[in-house]
C-alpha cells in the first residue's frame, strides 16, 4: 500500500510539472498510454489476458461503450 501511495504521489507531481510545459490533454494522453502499457504488462505476466472475442459479447460491448462515453 505504501508503494502504491508513493507511485500515486509521483504520478501526481509529474502531471503537475508537465502541465506547465504541455497541454492538459497531452498530459492526460501520456498518463493513459503509460497506464495501458503497465496494465498490459501486468496482465500478460499473470496470464490474465482474455481473447479479443470476449469483447463481442453484447453485455461487454455495452460496458465498453459506456466506459468510452464516460471518459469522453
Protein backbone atom coordinates (compact mmCIF):
# COMPACT_ATOMS: atom_id res chain seq x y z
CA UNK A 1 0.00 0.00 0.00
CA UNK A 2 2.89 2.33 0.77
CA UNK A 3 4.37 1.71 -2.68
CA UNK A 4 1.07 2.44 -4.41
CA UNK A 5 0.65 5.68 -2.47
CA UNK A 6 4.20 6.69 -3.37
CA UNK A 7 3.51 5.89 -7.03
CA UNK A 8 0.33 7.98 -6.89
CA UNK A 9 2.25 10.92 -5.42
CA UNK A 10 4.98 10.66 -8.06
CA UNK A 11 2.33 10.42 -10.80
CA UNK A 12 0.53 13.48 -9.46
CA UNK A 13 3.73 15.51 -9.12
CA UNK A 14 4.82 14.54 -12.63
CA UNK A 15 1.46 15.52 -14.09
CA UNK A 16 1.56 18.90 -12.34
CA UNK A 17 5.09 19.51 -13.58
CA UNK A 18 4.23 18.55 -17.16
CA UNK A 19 1.15 20.79 -17.31
CA UNK A 20 3.45 23.79 -17.12
CA UNK A 21 5.12 22.64 -20.34
CA UNK A 22 2.41 20.73 -22.20
CA UNK A 23 -1.28 20.98 -22.94
CA UNK A 24 -3.54 19.29 -20.35
CA UNK A 25 -4.93 16.92 -23.00
CA UNK A 26 -1.43 15.80 -23.95
CA UNK A 27 -0.58 15.09 -20.31
CA UNK A 28 -3.74 13.03 -19.89
CA UNK A 29 -2.97 11.13 -23.10
CA UNK A 30 0.52 10.28 -21.87
CA UNK A 31 -0.78 9.18 -18.46
CA UNK A 32 -3.37 6.96 -20.14
CA UNK A 33 -0.87 5.40 -22.52
CA UNK A 34 1.58 4.73 -19.70
CA UNK A 35 -1.18 3.15 -17.59
CA UNK A 36 -2.26 0.95 -20.52
CA UNK A 37 1.29 -0.25 -21.03
CA UNK A 38 1.70 -1.09 -17.34
CA UNK A 39 -1.66 -2.87 -17.15
CA UNK A 40 -0.92 -4.85 -20.33
CA UNK A 41 2.46 -5.90 -18.95
CA UNK A 42 0.93 -6.98 -15.64
CA UNK A 43 -1.92 -8.95 -17.22
CA UNK A 44 0.43 -10.63 -19.66
CA UNK A 45 2.81 -11.55 -16.85
CA UNK A 46 -0.02 -13.05 -14.78
CA UNK A 47 -1.62 -14.76 -17.77
CA UNK A 48 -4.86 -12.85 -17.30
CA UNK A 49 -5.24 -11.56 -20.87
CA UNK A 50 -8.59 -12.53 -22.37
CA UNK A 51 -9.12 -13.32 -26.05
CA UNK A 52 -10.38 -10.42 -28.16
CA UNK A 53 -13.58 -12.33 -28.99
CA UNK A 54 -14.82 -11.71 -25.43
CA UNK A 55 -15.33 -8.08 -26.45
CA UNK A 56 -18.08 -9.17 -28.82
CA UNK A 57 -20.37 -10.36 -26.03
CA UNK A 58 -23.21 -7.80 -26.06
CA UNK A 59 -23.01 -7.01 -22.34
CA UNK A 60 -19.26 -6.42 -22.53
CA UNK A 61 -19.59 -4.29 -25.66
CA UNK A 62 -22.23 -2.17 -23.95
CA UNK A 63 -19.97 -1.66 -20.96
CA UNK A 64 -17.02 -0.69 -23.17
CA UNK A 65 -19.21 1.87 -24.96
CA UNK A 66 -20.32 3.22 -21.59
CA UNK A 67 -16.73 3.49 -20.37
CA UNK A 68 -15.69 5.34 -23.52
CA UNK A 69 -18.66 7.68 -23.23
CA UNK A 70 -17.94 8.33 -19.56
CA UNK A 71 -14.31 9.08 -20.28
CA UNK A 72 -15.18 11.43 -23.11
